[in-house]
Amino acid sequence: MITNEKSFETYEYDKPLDLEQPKWAVRNNGTSWTPGSFSAITIPAGVYMPKSSWEEPPYLQRVQFSTDSLLDLPDDPSSRILSHIKDFWSKEDAFRDLGVTYKRGILMFGPPGSGKSVTIYRLASILESYNAVMILAKSAGIAKLGVELVKALEPSRKIVVIFEDIDGIIRRESDEELTHLLDGGTDVDNVLFLATTNYPERIPDRVLNRPSRFDVLVKIAMPTADARRAYINHLVKGNLLVDIEELVSKTENMSIASIKELVILTQIFRHSIDVAVSKLTSMDMRETPDIEESSEEDNTVAEQAQEIEI
């Protein structure tokens, strides 16, 4: 399944939340009383970013990202990842019976534009079905804060922690705090860690190759020929103005976004395939960042997600 257009919008609830009226908040063994705020028994399933500042206690800010359309494509690795996650969520009793911590770590690696972030969007779309909470984390410390905030009131809640561009996190703060978290430095029972990277070679072996930190490593490659053909047919709905097999052949190793632009150039602007490919190639003037530079993609989930206004 591939998103052919991504956007990030302010969250709007379909109906008002069932909130309890404010009560008195008590501190210092009953000697300090302050007016409380609205409260709820459980946090809604969804995507959250941990927030903290000197002015107020830490909290979770709900965010939402949406897509224009989702399309099932052949040979889609994100479908296999989602199947594994659903299987993990169905096996809690087996973990308990074995006496091991009920947690999982999955690392996706592959070139930019191959569909790693799409897997996160797809997982977010099914959170409600599993009553799960997703935490977008730009550091191990933020991840730890998010997990502890949820577990403070809902210790058995399913939690997904997202580390996009984990190599950048390691570069900025080393891997000590990260490995401490993955190894159970806080309560990680019922927690799934899902990480992405464009540069697996930049991740230390002690993080990459040690089970119980990341148990599953999945390469997310560019769309196969069958996937590209299905996507092109989806866009043009049988009205392609150029030869589809030539277009499939000349889009090898291209991302879905690049294929979409080629279809626009050939269908709307009536360029030949060769001219369209040439124009698209000349547009890409970016260079691969050096190891000292930020390895993060320009538009991560956490950066693009917008805060909710209730």
Protein backbone atom coordinates (compact mmCIF):
# COMPACT_ATOMS: atom_id res chain seq x y z
CA MET A 1 0.00 0.00 0.00
CA ILE A 2 1.45 3.35 -1.03
CA THR A 3 0.29 6.87 -0.36
CA ASN A 4 0.29 8.90 -3.53
CA GLU A 5 -0.04 12.19 -1.68
CA LYS A 6 0.73 13.02 1.94
CA SER A 7 -0.49 15.99 3.95
CA PHE A 8 -0.71 16.97 7.61
CA GLU A 9 -3.78 18.56 9.06
CA THR A 10 -5.12 19.91 12.34
CA TYR A 11 -6.92 17.12 14.17
CA GLU A 12 -10.68 17.44 14.52
CA TYR A 13 -12.75 15.06 16.61
CA ASP A 14 -15.89 13.69 14.98
CA LYS A 15 -17.77 14.14 18.25
CA PRO A 16 -16.99 15.76 21.59
CA LEU A 17 -14.83 13.74 23.95
CA ASP A 18 -16.48 12.22 27.01
CA LEU A 19 -14.62 14.24 29.62
CA GLU A 20 -15.20 14.44 33.34
CA GLN A 21 -15.79 17.85 34.87
CA PRO A 22 -12.82 19.52 36.58
CA LYS A 23 -12.08 18.49 40.16
CA TRP A 24 -9.73 19.76 42.84
CA ALA A 25 -6.12 18.71 42.33
CA VAL A 26 -4.37 17.81 45.59
CA ARG A 27 -0.67 18.05 46.40
CA ASN A 28 1.55 17.81 49.48
CA ASN A 29 -0.56 15.21 51.29
CA GLY A 30 -3.69 17.33 51.13
CA THR A 31 -2.25 20.67 52.23
CA SER A 32 -2.20 22.21 48.74
CA TRP A 33 -5.33 22.42 46.62
CA THR A 34 -5.66 23.85 43.10
CA PRO A 35 -8.51 23.80 40.56
CA GLY A 36 -7.98 20.84 38.23
CA SER A 37 -8.76 20.55 34.55
CA PHE A 38 -11.05 18.32 32.51
CA SER A 39 -10.08 14.65 32.75
CA ALA A 40 -10.62 11.34 30.99
CA ILE A 41 -10.24 7.74 32.12
CA THR A 42 -8.24 6.77 29.02
CA ILE A 43 -6.33 8.60 26.31
CA PRO A 44 -7.81 8.15 22.82
CA ALA A 45 -5.96 5.81 20.46
CA GLY A 46 -3.86 7.90 18.11
CA VAL A 47 -0.54 9.64 17.48
CA TYR A 48 1.13 11.84 20.07
CA MET A 49 4.24 13.96 20.54
CA PRO A 50 5.61 14.32 24.10
CA LYS A 51 6.03 17.94 25.15
CA SER A 52 7.79 19.49 28.11
CA SER A 53 8.86 22.95 29.24
CA TRP A 54 9.90 24.81 32.35
CA GLU A 55 6.51 26.50 32.56
CA GLU A 56 4.27 23.45 32.74
CA PRO A 57 4.34 19.71 33.48
CA PRO A 58 5.11 17.34 30.57
CA TYR A 59 2.16 16.30 28.44
CA LEU A 60 1.23 14.46 25.24
CA GLN A 61 0.13 16.59 22.27
CA ARG A 62 -2.12 14.68 19.88
CA VAL A 63 -1.29 15.10 16.19
CA GLN A 64 -2.71 13.78 12.95
CA PHE A 65 -1.33 13.11 9.52
CA SER A 66 -3.56 12.17 6.64
CA THR A 67 -3.20 10.88 3.09
CA ASP A 68 -5.14 11.60 -0.06
CA SER A 69 -5.32 7.95 -1.04
CA LEU A 70 -3.95 4.53 -0.18
CA LEU A 71 -3.30 1.90 -2.79
CA ASP A 72 -2.50 -1.79 -2.47
CA LEU A 73 0.51 -2.61 -4.63
CA PRO A 74 2.21 -5.92 -5.37
CA ASP A 75 5.39 -6.87 -3.49
CA ASP A 76 4.79 -4.26 -0.79
CA PRO A 77 7.14 -4.80 2.19
CA SER A 78 5.11 -2.51 4.45
CA SER A 79 2.25 -5.02 4.30
CA ARG A 80 4.57 -7.70 5.67
CA ILE A 81 5.68 -5.39 8.47
CA LEU A 82 2.09 -4.62 9.43
CA SER A 83 1.25 -8.32 9.42
CA HIS A 84 4.17 -8.97 11.77
CA ILE A 85 3.00 -6.18 14.11
CA LYS A 86 -0.55 -7.53 14.19
CA ASP A 87 0.85 -11.00 14.88
CA PHE A 88 2.95 -9.59 17.74
CA TRP A 89 -0.11 -7.87 19.22
CA SER A 90 -2.00 -11.18 19.13
CA LYS A 91 0.66 -13.08 21.08
CA GLU A 92 0.72 -11.32 24.44
CA ASP A 93 -0.31 -14.46 26.33
CA ALA A 94 2.49 -16.45 24.68
CA PHE A 95 5.07 -13.88 25.84
CA ARG A 96 3.62 -13.97 29.36
CA ASP A 97 3.66 -17.77 29.46
CA LEU A 98 7.31 -17.78 28.40
CA GLY A 99 8.18 -15.22 31.06
CA VAL A 100 9.82 -12.69 28.72
CA THR A 101 9.13 -8.98 28.35
CA TYR A 102 6.31 -8.35 25.91
CA LYS A 103 8.08 -5.95 23.54
CA ARG A 104 9.37 -5.88 19.96
CA GLY A 105 11.81 -3.82 17.90
CA ILE A 106 11.62 -3.38 14.12
CA LEU A 107 14.12 -1.42 12.02
CA MET A 108 13.31 -0.46 8.42
CA PHE A 109 16.16 0.60 6.15
CA GLY A 110 16.30 1.68 2.52
CA PRO A 111 16.83 4.67 0.22
CA PRO A 112 14.87 7.91 0.66
CA GLY A 113 11.42 7.70 -0.89
CA SER A 114 11.18 3.92 -0.73
CA GLY A 115 8.19 3.86 1.60
CA LYS A 116 9.48 3.70 5.18
CA SER A 117 7.40 6.64 6.38
CA VAL A 118 4.39 5.22 4.53
CA THR A 119 4.56 2.17 6.78
CA ILE A 120 4.27 4.49 9.79
CA TYR A 121 1.23 6.21 8.25
CA ARG A 122 -0.38 2.85 7.59
CA LEU A 123 0.27 1.70 11.13
CA ALA A 124 -1.22 4.94 12.46
CA SER A 125 -4.38 4.26 10.46
CA ILE A 126 -5.07 1.04 12.41
CA LEU A 127 -4.20 2.25 15.93
CA GLU A 128 -7.84 2.67 16.89
CA SER A 129 -8.62 -0.95 16.01
CA TYR A 130 -6.01 -2.08 18.54
CA ASN A 131 -6.53 0.73 21.09
CA ALA A 132 -2.87 1.65 20.71
CA VAL A 133 -0.97 4.89 21.27
CA MET A 134 1.84 6.00 18.94
CA ILE A 135 4.66 8.19 20.30
CA LEU A 136 6.72 10.22 17.80
CA ALA A 137 10.19 10.60 19.30
CA LYS A 138 13.14 12.68 18.12
CA SER A 139 15.34 11.33 20.90
CA ALA A 140 15.54 8.47 23.36
CA GLY A 141 14.77 10.88 26.17
CA ILE A 142 11.56 12.07 24.49
CA ALA A 143 10.58 8.45 23.85
CA LYS A 144 11.16 7.58 27.51
CA LEU A 145 9.06 10.56 28.58
CA GLY A 146 6.20 9.54 26.28
CA VAL A 147 6.19 5.94 27.45
CA GLU A 148 6.24 6.97 31.12
CA LEU A 149 3.40 9.48 30.63
CA VAL A 150 1.16 6.79 29.16
CA LYS A 151 2.11 4.13 31.66
CA ALA A 152 1.56 6.45 34.62
CA LEU A 153 -2.22 6.06 34.18
CA GLU A 154 -2.55 3.17 31.71
CA PRO A 155 0.24 0.68 32.45
CA SER A 156 -1.16 -2.05 30.17
CA ARG A 157 -1.80 0.16 27.12
CA LYS A 158 -0.29 -0.82 23.75
CA ILE A 159 2.41 1.72 22.86
CA VAL A 160 4.29 2.22 19.58
CA VAL A 161 7.46 4.33 19.72
CA ILE A 162 8.61 5.79 16.39
CA PHE A 163 12.29 6.64 15.81
CA GLU A 164 12.50 8.17 12.33
CA ASP A 165 16.07 8.52 11.02
CA ILE A 166 17.48 6.73 14.02
CA ASP A 167 21.03 7.19 12.71
CA GLY A 168 20.58 10.94 13.21
CA ILE A 169 19.40 10.39 16.78
CA ILE A 170 22.49 8.29 17.48
CA ARG A 171 24.76 10.89 15.84
CA ARG A 172 23.32 13.72 17.96
CA GLU A 173 23.28 12.02 21.36
CA SER A 174 25.26 8.76 21.04
CA ASP A 175 23.54 5.42 21.54
CA GLU A 176 23.88 5.04 25.32
CA GLU A 177 20.47 6.43 26.26
CA LEU A 178 18.85 4.65 23.31
CA THR A 179 20.23 1.21 24.18
CA HIS A 180 19.34 1.78 27.84
CA LEU A 181 15.73 2.39 26.79
CA LEU A 182 15.60 -0.57 24.40
CA ASP A 183 17.06 -2.82 27.09
CA GLY A 184 14.33 -1.87 29.56
CA GLY A 185 15.70 1.26 31.21
CA THR A 186 12.07 2.15 31.80
CA ASP A 187 9.00 -0.09 31.74
CA VAL A 188 8.83 -1.21 28.08
CA ASP A 189 6.31 -3.99 28.56
CA ASN A 190 3.71 -3.88 25.75
CA VAL A 191 5.89 -1.47 23.75
CA LEU A 192 6.75 -1.79 20.06
CA PHE A 193 9.76 0.17 18.79
CA LEU A 194 9.65 1.02 15.07
CA ALA A 195 12.67 2.80 13.58
CA THR A 196 13.75 3.95 10.14
CA THR A 197 17.07 4.83 8.52
CA ASN A 198 18.43 5.62 5.09
CA TYR A 199 21.93 4.70 6.26
CA PRO A 200 22.11 1.41 8.16
CA GLU A 201 25.90 1.47 7.86
CA ARG A 202 25.92 4.44 10.26
CA ILE A 203 24.24 2.47 13.05
CA PRO A 204 26.63 0.73 15.48
CA ASP A 205 26.55 -3.06 15.49
CA ARG A 206 25.62 -3.08 19.18
CA VAL A 207 22.34 -1.39 18.18
CA LEU A 208 21.75 -2.96 14.77
CA ASN A 209 22.74 -6.58 15.32
CA ARG A 210 21.60 -7.37 18.83
CA PRO A 211 18.25 -9.15 19.20
CA SER A 212 16.00 -7.73 21.89
CA ARG A 213 16.97 -4.26 20.72
CA PHE A 214 15.85 -4.60 17.11
CA ASP A 215 14.52 -8.09 16.56
CA VAL A 216 13.47 -7.60 12.92
CA LEU A 217 15.46 -5.80 10.20
CA VAL A 218 13.53 -5.09 6.99
CA LYS A 219 14.89 -3.62 3.79
CA ILE A 220 12.41 -1.29 2.07
CA ALA A 221 13.43 -1.16 -1.58
CA MET A 222 12.07 0.98 -4.39
CA PRO A 223 8.85 -0.30 -6.03
CA THR A 224 9.19 -3.42 -8.18
CA ALA A 225 8.16 -3.50 -11.84
CA ASP A 226 4.79 -5.02 -10.91
CA ALA A 227 4.23 -2.34 -8.29
CA ARG A 228 5.19 0.46 -10.70
CA ARG A 229 2.87 -0.93 -13.38
CA ALA A 230 -0.02 -1.16 -10.92
CA TYR A 231 0.58 2.38 -9.67
CA ILE A 232 0.73 3.85 -13.19
CA ASN A 233 -2.48 2.07 -14.16
CA HIS A 234 -4.12 3.38 -11.01
CA LEU A 235 -3.20 6.96 -11.92
CA VAL A 236 -4.22 6.94 -15.59
CA LYS A 237 -7.12 4.49 -15.30
CA GLY A 238 -6.36 2.89 -18.65
CA ASN A 239 -5.80 6.14 -20.55
CA LEU A 240 -2.01 6.20 -20.69
CA LEU A 241 -0.69 8.22 -23.65
CA VAL A 242 2.69 6.45 -23.77
CA ASP A 243 3.76 2.83 -23.77
CA ILE A 244 3.33 1.49 -20.25
CA GLU A 245 6.05 -1.14 -20.51
CA GLU A 246 8.58 1.48 -21.61
CA LEU A 247 7.49 3.71 -18.74
CA VAL A 248 7.77 0.82 -16.27
CA SER A 249 11.23 0.00 -17.57
CA LYS A 250 12.51 3.57 -17.35
CA THR A 251 11.19 4.13 -13.81
CA GLU A 252 13.34 1.44 -12.26
CA ASN A 253 14.74 2.52 -8.87
CA MET A 254 12.40 5.53 -8.79
CA SER A 255 10.18 6.46 -5.88
CA ILE A 256 6.42 6.68 -6.14
CA ALA A 257 6.68 10.49 -6.06
CA SER A 258 9.05 10.46 -9.04
CA ILE A 259 6.82 8.05 -10.97
CA LYS A 260 3.84 10.29 -10.34
CA GLU A 261 5.74 13.30 -11.73
CA LEU A 262 6.69 11.32 -14.85
CA VAL A 263 3.05 10.47 -15.41
CA ILE A 264 2.16 14.17 -15.06
CA LEU A 265 4.84 15.15 -17.56
CA THR A 266 3.73 12.57 -20.12
CA GLN A 267 -0.05 12.77 -19.60
CA ILE A 268 -0.62 16.47 -18.97
CA PHE A 269 2.35 18.17 -20.57
CA ARG A 270 2.57 15.57 -23.36
CA HIS A 271 6.30 15.03 -23.14
CA SER A 272 7.87 11.85 -24.43
CA ILE A 273 9.13 9.40 -21.82
CA ASP A 274 12.77 10.26 -22.55
CA VAL A 275 12.16 14.00 -22.26
CA ALA A 276 10.16 13.50 -19.06
CA VAL A 277 12.92 11.38 -17.52
CA SER A 278 15.50 13.98 -18.53
CA LYS A 279 13.50 16.80 -16.96
CA LEU A 280 12.97 14.84 -13.75
CA THR A 281 16.64 13.91 -13.53
CA SER A 282 17.74 17.52 -14.01
CA MET A 283 15.45 18.59 -11.15
CA ASP A 284 17.28 16.45 -8.61
CA MET A 285 20.28 18.56 -7.69
CA ARG A 286 20.60 17.28 -4.15
CA GLU A 287 23.71 15.48 -2.98
CA THR A 288 23.92 12.70 -0.44
CA PRO A 289 24.73 14.35 2.92
CA ASP A 290 28.13 13.77 4.46
CA ILE A 291 28.37 11.86 7.70
CA GLU A 292 28.88 15.14 9.63
CA GLU A 293 25.70 16.61 8.19
CA SER A 294 22.20 15.82 9.29
CA SER A 295 21.08 12.48 7.92
CA GLU A 296 17.45 13.20 8.61
CA GLU A 297 14.97 13.45 5.77
CA ASP A 298 13.61 16.94 5.13
CA ASN A 299 10.08 15.93 6.10
CA THR A 300 9.83 13.41 8.90
CA VAL A 301 6.52 12.39 10.40
CA ALA A 302 7.27 14.28 13.60
CA GLU A 303 8.28 17.47 11.77
CA GLN A 304 5.26 17.52 9.49
CA ALA A 305 2.57 16.52 11.98
CA GLN A 306 0.60 19.48 13.26
CA GLU A 307 -0.79 20.06 16.71
CA ILE A 308 -4.45 19.36 17.38
CA GLU A 309 -6.92 22.02 18.30
CA ILE A 310 -9.92 20.57 20.13
